[in-house]
Each structure stands twice: as C-alpha cells, then as structure tokens.
C-alpha atoms as a PDB file:
ATOM      1  CA  UNK A   1     -13.467 -15.706 -10.853  1.00  0.00           C
ATOM      2  CA  UNK A   2     -11.215 -12.798 -11.756  1.00  0.00           C
ATOM      3  CA  UNK A   3     -13.358 -10.453  -9.629  1.00  0.00           C
ATOM      4  CA  UNK A   4     -12.994 -12.829  -6.678  1.00  0.00           C
ATOM      5  CA  UNK A   5      -9.212 -12.840  -7.135  1.00  0.00           C
ATOM      6  CA  UNK A   6      -9.142  -9.032  -7.134  1.00  0.00           C
ATOM      7  CA  UNK A   7     -11.232  -8.963  -3.947  1.00  0.00           C
ATOM      8  CA  UNK A   8      -8.932 -11.453  -2.213  1.00  0.00           C
ATOM      9  CA  UNK A   9      -5.887  -9.476  -3.273  1.00  0.00           C
ATOM     10  CA  UNK A  10      -7.393  -6.311  -1.823  1.00  0.00           C
ATOM     11  CA  UNK A  11      -8.016  -8.078   1.482  1.00  0.00           C
ATOM     12  CA  UNK A  12      -4.414  -9.329   1.579  1.00  0.00           C
ATOM     13  CA  UNK A  13      -3.098  -5.852   0.816  1.00  0.00           C
ATOM     14  CA  UNK A  14      -5.203  -4.319   3.605  1.00  0.00           C
ATOM     15  CA  UNK A  15      -4.063  -6.994   6.038  1.00  0.00           C
ATOM     16  CA  UNK A  16      -0.427  -6.409   5.105  1.00  0.00           C
ATOM     17  CA  UNK A  17      -0.802  -2.666   5.627  1.00  0.00           C
ATOM     18  CA  UNK A  18      -2.355  -3.235   9.056  1.00  0.00           C
ATOM     19  CA  UNK A  19       0.444  -5.589  10.035  1.00  0.00           C
ATOM     20  CA  UNK A  20       3.230  -3.294   8.859  1.00  0.00           C
ATOM     21  CA  UNK A  21       2.030  -0.339  10.966  1.00  0.00           C
ATOM     22  CA  UNK A  22       4.989   1.978  10.464  1.00  0.00           C
ATOM     23  CA  UNK A  23       8.392   1.879   8.808  1.00  0.00           C
ATOM     24  CA  UNK A  24      11.171   4.385   9.263  1.00  0.00           C
ATOM     25  CA  UNK A  25      13.839   4.855   6.641  1.00  0.00           C
ATOM     26  CA  UNK A  26      17.418   4.590   7.820  1.00  0.00           C
ATOM     27  CA  UNK A  27      20.516   4.230   5.669  1.00  0.00           C
ATOM     28  CA  UNK A  28      18.414   3.190   2.700  1.00  0.00           C
ATOM     29  CA  UNK A  29      16.686   0.457   4.710  1.00  0.00           C
ATOM     30  CA  UNK A  30      13.253   0.374   6.246  1.00  0.00           C
ATOM     31  CA  UNK A  31      13.015  -0.095  10.013  1.00  0.00           C
ATOM     32  CA  UNK A  32       9.875  -1.786  11.227  1.00  0.00           C
ATOM     33  CA  UNK A  33       8.073  -0.270  14.205  1.00  0.00           C
ATOM     34  CA  UNK A  34       4.971  -1.841  15.670  1.00  0.00           C
ATOM     35  CA  UNK A  35       2.219   0.221  17.260  1.00  0.00           C
ATOM     36  CA  UNK A  36       3.532  -0.638  20.725  1.00  0.00           C
ATOM     37  CA  UNK A  37       7.096   0.308  19.796  1.00  0.00           C
ATOM     38  CA  UNK A  38       5.878   3.676  18.532  1.00  0.00           C
ATOM     39  CA  UNK A  39       4.175   4.272  21.876  1.00  0.00           C
ATOM     40  CA  UNK A  40       7.342   3.363  23.781  1.00  0.00           C
ATOM     41  CA  UNK A  41       9.363   5.692  21.587  1.00  0.00           C
ATOM     42  CA  UNK A  42       7.018   8.592  22.340  1.00  0.00           C
ATOM     43  CA  UNK A  43       7.188   7.783  26.052  1.00  0.00           C
ATOM     44  CA  UNK A  44      10.979   7.914  25.917  1.00  0.00           C
ATOM     45  CA  UNK A  45      10.851  11.228  24.049  1.00  0.00           C
ATOM     46  CA  UNK A  46       8.607  12.671  26.752  1.00  0.00           C
ATOM     47  CA  UNK A  47      10.834  11.371  29.547  1.00  0.00           C
ATOM     48  CA  UNK A  48      14.054  12.662  27.977  1.00  0.00           C
ATOM     49  CA  UNK A  49      12.440  16.044  27.294  1.00  0.00           C
ATOM     50  CA  UNK A  50      11.745  16.377  31.017  1.00  0.00           C
ATOM     51  CA  UNK A  51      14.805  14.735  32.554  1.00  0.00           C
ATOM     52  CA  UNK A  52      17.383  14.478  29.723  1.00  0.00           C
ATOM     53  CA  UNK A  53      17.362  10.696  30.198  1.00  0.00           C
ATOM     54  CA  UNK A  54      14.644   8.080  30.637  1.00  0.00           C
ATOM     55  CA  UNK A  55      14.506   5.256  33.171  1.00  0.00           C
ATOM     56  CA  UNK A  56      12.885   1.861  32.803  1.00  0.00           C
ATOM     57  CA  UNK A  57      11.052   2.278  36.102  1.00  0.00           C
ATOM     58  CA  UNK A  58       9.502   5.590  35.027  1.00  0.00           C
ATOM     59  CA  UNK A  59       8.403   4.153  31.685  1.00  0.00           C
ATOM     60  CA  UNK A  60       6.838   1.152  33.427  1.00  0.00           C
ATOM     61  CA  UNK A  61       4.936   3.461  35.776  1.00  0.00           C
ATOM     62  CA  UNK A  62       3.677   5.700  32.988  1.00  0.00           C
ATOM     63  CA  UNK A  63       2.487   2.720  30.935  1.00  0.00           C
ATOM     64  CA  UNK A  64       1.288   0.656  33.910  1.00  0.00           C
ATOM     65  CA  UNK A  65       3.261  -2.403  32.811  1.00  0.00           C
ATOM     66  CA  UNK A  66       5.854  -4.628  34.462  1.00  0.00           C
ATOM     67  CA  UNK A  67       9.597  -3.927  34.390  1.00  0.00           C
ATOM     68  CA  UNK A  68      10.372  -7.068  32.329  1.00  0.00           C
ATOM     69  CA  UNK A  69       7.876  -5.895  29.700  1.00  0.00           C
ATOM     70  CA  UNK A  70       9.665  -2.538  29.395  1.00  0.00           C
ATOM     71  CA  UNK A  71      13.099  -4.205  29.344  1.00  0.00           C
ATOM     72  CA  UNK A  72      12.007  -6.353  26.399  1.00  0.00           C
ATOM     73  CA  UNK A  73      10.704  -3.337  24.460  1.00  0.00           C
ATOM     74  CA  UNK A  74      13.826  -1.305  25.232  1.00  0.00           C
ATOM     75  CA  UNK A  75      16.048  -4.120  24.024  1.00  0.00           C
ATOM     76  CA  UNK A  76      14.218  -4.194  20.681  1.00  0.00           C
ATOM     77  CA  UNK A  77      14.497  -0.423  20.204  1.00  0.00           C
ATOM     78  CA  UNK A  78      18.205  -0.556  21.064  1.00  0.00           C
ATOM     79  CA  UNK A  79      18.753  -3.283  18.476  1.00  0.00           C
ATOM     80  CA  UNK A  80      17.199  -0.990  15.889  1.00  0.00           C
ATOM     81  CA  UNK A  81      19.635   1.774  16.906  1.00  0.00           C
ATOM     82  CA  UNK A  82      16.750   3.983  17.977  1.00  0.00           C
ATOM     83  CA  UNK A  83      17.924   4.349  21.584  1.00  0.00           C
ATOM     84  CA  UNK A  84      21.088   4.072  23.632  1.00  0.00           C
ATOM     85  CA  UNK A  85      20.845   1.823  26.660  1.00  0.00           C
ATOM     86  CA  UNK A  86      23.384   0.018  28.767  1.00  0.00           C
ATOM     87  CA  UNK A  87      22.267  -2.696  31.140  1.00  0.00           C
ATOM     88  CA  UNK A  88      20.844  -1.121  34.340  1.00  0.00           C
ATOM     89  CA  UNK A  89      21.631   2.304  32.842  1.00  0.00           C
ATOM     90  CA  UNK A  90      19.722   5.309  31.605  1.00  0.00           C
ATOM     91  CA  UNK A  91      17.997   5.485  28.236  1.00  0.00           C
ATOM     92  CA  UNK A  92      18.667   8.184  25.656  1.00  0.00           C
ATOM     93  CA  UNK A  93      17.590   8.620  22.054  1.00  0.00           C
ATOM     94  CA  UNK A  94      20.044   8.292  19.184  1.00  0.00           C
ATOM     95  CA  UNK A  95      19.991  11.072  16.597  1.00  0.00           C
ATOM     96  CA  UNK A  96      18.011   8.760  14.360  1.00  0.00           C
ATOM     97  CA  UNK A  97      15.646   7.871  17.199  1.00  0.00           C
ATOM     98  CA  UNK A  98      15.124  11.527  18.065  1.00  0.00           C
ATOM     99  CA  UNK A  99      14.174  12.423  14.487  1.00  0.00           C
ATOM    100  CA  UNK A 100      11.857   9.442  14.310  1.00  0.00           C
ATOM    101  CA  UNK A 101      10.189  10.349  17.613  1.00  0.00           C
ATOM    102  CA  UNK A 102       9.788  13.973  16.493  1.00  0.00           C
ATOM    103  CA  UNK A 103       8.044  12.847  13.314  1.00  0.00           C
ATOM    104  CA  UNK A 104       5.719  10.581  15.275  1.00  0.00           C
ATOM    105  CA  UNK A 105       4.881  13.372  17.712  1.00  0.00           C
ATOM    106  CA  UNK A 106       4.225  15.804  14.868  1.00  0.00           C
ATOM    107  CA  UNK A 107       1.952  13.253  13.227  1.00  0.00           C
ATOM    108  CA  UNK A 108       0.095  12.747  16.494  1.00  0.00           C
ATOM    109  CA  UNK A 109      -0.396  16.503  16.967  1.00  0.00           C
ATOM    110  CA  UNK A 110      -1.611  17.045  13.401  1.00  0.00           C
ATOM    111  CA  UNK A 111      -4.166  14.240  13.623  1.00  0.00           C
ATOM    112  CA  UNK A 112      -5.419  15.525  16.973  1.00  0.00           C
ATOM    113  CA  UNK A 113      -5.693  19.048  15.556  1.00  0.00           C
ATOM    114  CA  UNK A 114      -7.638  17.737  12.572  1.00  0.00           C
ATOM    115  CA  UNK A 115     -10.130  16.023  14.861  1.00  0.00           C
ATOM    116  CA  UNK A 116     -10.566  18.905  17.322  1.00  0.00           C
ATOM    117  CA  UNK A 117     -10.070  22.049  15.213  1.00  0.00           C
ATOM    118  CA  UNK A 118     -11.242  20.894  11.792  1.00  0.00           C
ATOM    119  CA  UNK A 119     -14.001  18.433  12.716  1.00  0.00           C
ATOM    120  CA  UNK A 120     -14.940  19.804  16.138  1.00  0.00           C
ATOM    121  CA  UNK A 121     -14.623  16.451  17.934  1.00  0.00           C
ATOM    122  CA  UNK A 122     -14.547  16.849  21.754  1.00  0.00           C
ATOM    123  CA  UNK A 123     -11.015  16.730  23.202  1.00  0.00           C
ATOM    124  CA  UNK A 124     -11.385  13.501  25.214  1.00  0.00           C
ATOM    125  CA  UNK A 125     -12.947  11.616  22.297  1.00  0.00           C
ATOM    126  CA  UNK A 126     -10.393  13.075  19.859  1.00  0.00           C
ATOM    127  CA  UNK A 127      -7.426  11.891  21.955  1.00  0.00           C
ATOM    128  CA  UNK A 128      -8.729   8.316  21.939  1.00  0.00           C
ATOM    129  CA  UNK A 129      -9.523   8.395  18.220  1.00  0.00           C
ATOM    130  CA  UNK A 130      -6.193  10.024  17.326  1.00  0.00           C
ATOM    131  CA  UNK A 131      -4.340   7.183  19.031  1.00  0.00           C
ATOM    132  CA  UNK A 132      -6.137   4.710  16.764  1.00  0.00           C
ATOM    133  CA  UNK A 133      -5.579   6.727  13.603  1.00  0.00           C
ATOM    134  CA  UNK A 134      -1.948   7.717  14.066  1.00  0.00           C
ATOM    135  CA  UNK A 135      -0.670   4.150  13.651  1.00  0.00           C
ATOM    136  CA  UNK A 136      -2.622   3.077  10.564  1.00  0.00           C
ATOM    137  CA  UNK A 137      -3.315   6.214   8.548  1.00  0.00           C
ATOM    138  CA  UNK A 138      -1.812   6.107   5.050  1.00  0.00           C
ATOM    139  CA  UNK A 139       0.590   8.829   3.924  1.00  0.00           C
ATOM    140  CA  UNK A 140      -1.891  10.096   1.333  1.00  0.00           C
ATOM    141  CA  UNK A 141      -4.758  10.391   3.805  1.00  0.00           C
ATOM    142  CA  UNK A 142      -2.500  12.016   6.412  1.00  0.00           C
ATOM    143  CA  UNK A 143      -1.310  14.654   3.945  1.00  0.00           C
ATOM    144  CA  UNK A 144      -4.897  15.340   2.869  1.00  0.00           C
ATOM    145  CA  UNK A 145      -6.129  15.967   6.408  1.00  0.00           C
ATOM    146  CA  UNK A 146      -3.237  18.394   6.958  1.00  0.00           C
ATOM    147  CA  UNK A 147      -4.310  20.285   3.828  1.00  0.00           C
ATOM    148  CA  UNK A 148      -7.927  20.444   4.999  1.00  0.00           C
ATOM    149  CA  UNK A 149      -6.849  21.823   8.390  1.00  0.00           C
ATOM    150  CA  UNK A 150      -4.619  24.392   6.676  1.00  0.00           C
ATOM    151  CA  UNK A 151      -7.496  25.359   4.361  1.00  0.00           C
ATOM    152  CA  UNK A 152      -9.819  26.016   7.317  1.00  0.00           C
ATOM    153  CA  UNK A 153      -7.114  28.084   9.028  1.00  0.00           C
ATOM    154  CA  UNK A 154      -6.642  30.149   5.861  1.00  0.00           C
ATOM    155  CA  UNK A 155     -10.373  30.657   5.294  1.00  0.00           C
ATOM    156  CA  UNK A 156     -12.050  30.959   8.746  1.00  0.00           C
ATOM    157  CA  UNK A 157     -15.312  32.079   7.157  1.00  0.00           C
ATOM    158  CA  UNK A 158     -15.623  28.711   5.419  1.00  0.00           C
ATOM    159  CA  UNK A 159     -14.832  26.938   8.679  1.00  0.00           C
ATOM    160  CA  UNK A 160     -17.635  28.916  10.313  1.00  0.00           C
ATOM    161  CA  UNK A 161     -20.031  27.804   7.574  1.00  0.00           C
ATOM    162  CA  UNK A 162     -19.016  24.198   8.199  1.00  0.00           C
ATOM    163  CA  UNK A 163     -19.571  24.587  11.951  1.00  0.00           C
ATOM    164  CA  UNK A 164     -23.018  26.072  11.345  1.00  0.00           C
ATOM    165  CA  UNK A 165     -23.807  23.197   8.994  1.00  0.00           C
ATOM    166  CA  UNK A 166     -22.807  20.721  11.718  1.00  0.00           C
ATOM    167  CA  UNK A 167     -24.996  22.461  14.271  1.00  0.00           C
ATOM    168  CA  UNK A 168     -28.028  22.223  12.032  1.00  0.00           C
ATOM    169  CA  UNK A 169     -27.932  18.476  12.445  1.00  0.00           C
ATOM    170  CA  UNK A 170     -28.154  18.935  16.214  1.00  0.00           C
ATOM    171  CA  UNK A 171     -31.112  21.325  16.041  1.00  0.00           C
ATOM    172  CA  UNK A 172     -34.608  20.025  16.583  1.00  0.00           C
ATOM    173  CA  UNK A 173     -38.111  21.252  17.338  1.00  0.00           C
ATOM    174  CA  UNK A 174     -39.183  21.556  20.965  1.00  0.00           C
ATOM    175  CA  UNK A 175     -41.983  19.016  20.457  1.00  0.00           C
ATOM    176  CA  UNK A 176     -39.318  16.436  19.486  1.00  0.00           C
ATOM    177  CA  UNK A 177     -37.624  16.619  22.907  1.00  0.00           C
ATOM    178  CA  UNK A 178     -38.413  13.772  25.280  1.00  0.00           C
ATOM    179  CA  UNK A 179     -40.068  14.257  28.654  1.00  0.00           C
ATOM    180  CA  UNK A 180     -37.510  15.189  31.298  1.00  0.00           C
ATOM    181  CA  UNK A 181     -34.929  16.418  28.793  1.00  0.00           C
ATOM    182  CA  UNK A 182     -33.432  19.906  28.841  1.00  0.00           C
ATOM    183  CA  UNK A 183     -32.495  21.938  25.777  1.00  0.00           C
ATOM    184  CA  UNK A 184     -31.452  25.454  24.845  1.00  0.00           C
ATOM    185  CA  UNK A 185     -33.596  27.606  22.588  1.00  0.00           C
ATOM    186  CA  UNK A 186     -31.765  28.512  19.375  1.00  0.00           C
ATOM    187  CA  UNK A 187     -34.420  30.511  17.563  1.00  0.00           C
ATOM    188  CA  UNK A 188     -38.132  31.013  16.998  1.00  0.00           C
ATOM    189  CA  UNK A 189     -39.202  30.350  13.418  1.00  0.00           C
ATOM    190  CA  UNK A 190     -41.016  33.127  11.610  1.00  0.00           C
ATOM    191  CA  UNK A 191     -44.760  32.750  12.045  1.00  0.00           C
ATOM    192  CA  UNK A 192     -47.793  34.781  13.173  1.00  0.00           C
ATOM    193  CA  UNK A 193     -47.236  33.513  16.739  1.00  0.00           C
ATOM    194  CA  UNK A 194     -43.542  34.459  16.959  1.00  0.00           C
ATOM    195  CA  UNK A 195     -44.182  37.634  18.947  1.00  0.00           C
ATOM    196  CA  UNK A 196     -46.460  35.741  21.315  1.00  0.00           C
ATOM    197  CA  UNK A 197     -43.818  33.065  21.943  1.00  0.00           C
ATOM    198  CA  UNK A 198     -41.102  35.652  22.554  1.00  0.00           C
ATOM    199  CA  UNK A 199     -43.341  37.466  25.037  1.00  0.00           C
ATOM    200  CA  UNK A 200     -43.693  34.179  26.937  1.00  0.00           C
ATOM    201  CA  UNK A 201     -39.937  34.124  27.523  1.00  0.00           C
ATOM    202  CA  UNK A 202     -38.980  31.603  24.862  1.00  0.00           C
ATOM    203  CA  UNK A 203     -36.059  33.706  23.696  1.00  0.00           C
ATOM    204  CA  UNK A 204     -32.829  32.374  22.101  1.00  0.00           C
ATOM    205  CA  UNK A 205     -30.354  31.175  24.716  1.00  0.00           C
ATOM    206  CA  UNK A 206     -33.012  30.297  27.294  1.00  0.00           C
ATOM    207  CA  UNK A 207     -32.832  26.806  28.787  1.00  0.00           C
ATOM    208  CA  UNK A 208     -36.133  24.950  28.620  1.00  0.00           C
ATOM    209  CA  UNK A 209     -37.213  21.581  30.041  1.00  0.00           C
ATOM    210  CA  UNK A 210     -40.064  19.379  28.881  1.00  0.00           C
ATOM    211  CA  UNK A 211     -42.078  18.323  31.945  1.00  0.00           C
ATOM    212  CA  UNK A 212     -45.214  16.692  30.561  1.00  0.00           C
ATOM    213  CA  UNK A 213     -46.747  15.806  27.208  1.00  0.00           C
ATOM    214  CA  UNK A 214     -50.413  14.962  26.699  1.00  0.00           C
ATOM    215  CA  UNK A 215     -51.188  11.466  25.345  1.00  0.00           C
ATOM    216  CA  UNK A 216     -51.717  12.775  21.811  1.00  0.00           C
ATOM    217  CA  UNK A 217     -48.727  15.107  22.006  1.00  0.00           C
ATOM    218  CA  UNK A 218     -50.766  18.231  22.582  1.00  0.00           C
ATOM    219  CA  UNK A 219     -50.403  20.275  24.759  1.00  0.00           C
ATOM    220  CA  UNK A 220     -46.804  20.253  26.092  1.00  0.00           C
ATOM    221  CA  UNK A 221     -45.871  21.502  29.558  1.00  0.00           C
ATOM    222  CA  UNK A 222     -42.403  23.003  29.968  1.00  0.00           C
ATOM    223  CA  UNK A 223     -40.420  24.953  32.540  1.00  0.00           C
ATOM    224  CA  UNK A 224     -38.178  27.913  31.771  1.00  0.00           C
ATOM    225  CA  UNK A 225     -36.886  30.884  33.744  1.00  0.00           C
ATOM    226  CA  UNK A 226     -38.288  29.315  36.913  1.00  0.00           C
ATOM    227  CA  UNK A 227     -41.934  29.009  35.876  1.00  0.00           C
ATOM    228  CA  UNK A 228     -44.236  26.511  34.132  1.00  0.00           C
ATOM    229  CA  UNK A 229     -45.602  27.159  30.667  1.00  0.00           C
ATOM    230  CA  UNK A 230     -48.123  25.181  28.612  1.00  0.00           C
ATOM    231  CA  UNK A 231     -47.676  25.229  24.843  1.00  0.00           C
ATOM    232  CA  UNK A 232     -49.800  23.885  22.041  1.00  0.00           C
ATOM    233  CA  UNK A 233     -48.043  21.483  19.694  1.00  0.00           C
ATOM    234  CA  UNK A 234     -48.115  23.983  16.812  1.00  0.00           C
ATOM    235  CA  UNK A 235     -46.400  26.517  19.103  1.00  0.00           C
ATOM    236  CA  UNK A 236     -43.724  24.035  20.222  1.00  0.00           C
ATOM    237  CA  UNK A 237     -42.988  23.210  16.586  1.00  0.00           C
ATOM    238  CA  UNK A 238     -41.908  26.826  16.007  1.00  0.00           C
ATOM    239  CA  UNK A 239     -39.323  26.710  18.816  1.00  0.00           C
ATOM    240  CA  UNK A 240     -35.969  25.396  17.564  1.00  0.00           C
ATOM    241  CA  UNK A 241     -33.689  23.995  20.264  1.00  0.00           C
ATOM    242  CA  UNK A 242     -30.395  22.183  20.684  1.00  0.00           C
ATOM    243  CA  UNK A 243     -29.552  19.623  23.343  1.00  0.00           C
END
C-alpha cells in the first residue's frame, strides 16, 4: 500500500511539473509562463531586435494565428509586466521581460547545440526536438547537458571517439543491404581475399548498389563505378558499408 502511495505521489509530482512549465522570479515572486507564452515572448524578442518594436499583425503572421489570439496573449504578458503595450500601439519589452527573453533564448540555443554538436542530431530534427525539450527540461538536466557540451569542446579527441562509436552502429556488411539499396564502402576487413576485393574496385569511399541476390543469398550482384560485379557471400561479408 505504501509503495502504491509513493507511485501515485510520483505521478502527481510529474504532472505538476509538466503543468508548471516555467516560472520566472521577479521581486521575490514567481511569475508563471506557459509554453505558449514563452513562444510569444521569444517572437517579441525577435521582432524588437529587428525593428525596435513589435506589432500584433507581424506576430500573428509569424505564428499563423488570428489577431484576437495574439491580442489575448499580449494582454496576459502585459499584466505580468513582461511587455509594454498600449491599445492599438506598438509592443516593447520591459527590462524584466528582456532579461527573461534573453534567458529563454540562451536556453534554446544551448539545448539545440547539445543536440547538434554533442549528439550529432541532424539540424531539422534537432530544431523540432529542442522546441519540445526547452519547455520541460529540469534545471538539473539542463545544467548537465551544458557541462557535457563544454566537456566535448574542451576535449575534441574524446568527442571524435564518441562520433566513431556512433558510426559503428550504422556500419553493416554488404550482404546485409537490401536489393535496390545504395551504400558507401567504409573498409575491407582483413582477410586473404582483401587484395582481390580492392583490385575489383571495392575501395573505401566508393558507392555501391545491390542489384540482385540469389535465392539462398549467394551470389550477390552489385554495381559500382559504372559496372556490374558479382560477389560471393563470403566476399560481401568482408565489405563494410554505411547507408
């Protein structure tokens, strides 16, 4: 029963953390900002950086939402003393709002850098994932990922080892490639037939395509450097490729 109570308490704590999203300290009090409000704040920071002031119409266009939706969000931010806005007027950040927006932007940049530089996640995927992480990541986890990024910057040789370790997971034997797929040769494993394979043109960096495979997987017909080549299965197993 006690274990069940602990489990339920953990669920409630996680739910509360997800609902709170982000709080900014101001005058000893905590200001609540939802995920959407954070996004609006960053939009305003971007607009004011370009044009000194922001306009409701421009924000609506950038977010692809209606004017009333922006007006409602702006009103809430103004009530929190994050922005200055007079009815039908321009929008500017208060000193407090500017500091808050700067912190959010810095957080966004650090998370994106962690995903792209430290983990090697492709830019387009990293941008989408960073947007999800930046709103819910705990302070402890955020500080840890900054330290890991800094560690890799300080010791590039270790980062290189990590990158090589990642690549190993993407390497496979030529006979494991499906028919019609293209791959790039990474290396030829040491064996008595290595010289023979290299003389056939299966050198590292060469792009190779699997054209046909016999019913029992042997032999395998491939194309590379503009010509067809037939390999036995034991030969294809010595050719390491990456997709």
